[in-house]
């Protein structure tokens, strides 16, 4: 299994946080629990070889070979599976507020959804899907999709500076800024901020803050830091240990201790520590 990363073009960096390419000659390892945990990022997934099965809360969806899909911001983990065989797919992860300027539709309508590109993007999605399979190299595919996004950017709506500021504040503090503090800093009410977040992010500021808090401790897992070593730090982020356990289990489906000792998620680990 190989996971490589491509640097987003300079004009796309305010909107796209990472572009990665997954390659494997055997597909997702059958012995691995390959999870994509919530990180606040809506995504475009392009299947180059093999199909990929996604399972969320028992719901099964399949993305076809050569298909392109949009995944709205999620607040639950996705279990990924493939058949045995050569597998390759490209992931484009937007910043939490980064997809809206391109596509202009309320992100709340796409939250926790997995949709073919032609349904979400119309003619643009259909045109891109027709051209991508004919590009032989992965570098050609990633360059092409970046070119197409850059062209869309010239026609896109500007980012909302209030949302940009609030998302940046939540992320830089690992979700510790309270919504009341965002109200004080911006001068806007909680209700107005939630309306903006529904359109631009798809989740409320409170829910996004919870994902950023979870991600702090999820990154510790990716770095092989034992759960016992982070226990004291929990109280800066959660009411108590049981609160943390509930939130971690809601995000992954596992308790923190079981996840640390029993779950092998090499795909998720490499996404985090690149």
Foldseek 3Di string as FASTA:
>chain_A
DDKAWDDADPVQVLWWPTKIKDKDFFWDPPVAFAKDFFQLWKKKKAWQDFKKWKADPNDIDIDGHLFIKIAAHEQAMIGIGTGTGITMMMMITTHLLRPCQLQVFFSLVRYRHIGTQCVRRNPLSVVLSVCQNVDDDPVVNVVVVSVSSVVSNVVTDDGDPLLVVLSVVLQVVLLLDDLVNSCVVVVDDQVVQQVVCRRRRSDRSNSNSLSSVLVVVVLCLLVVNDPVVCQVVVVSPAVHPVRNQVSNCRRYVDGPNCCSPPHHHVVNSVVNPD
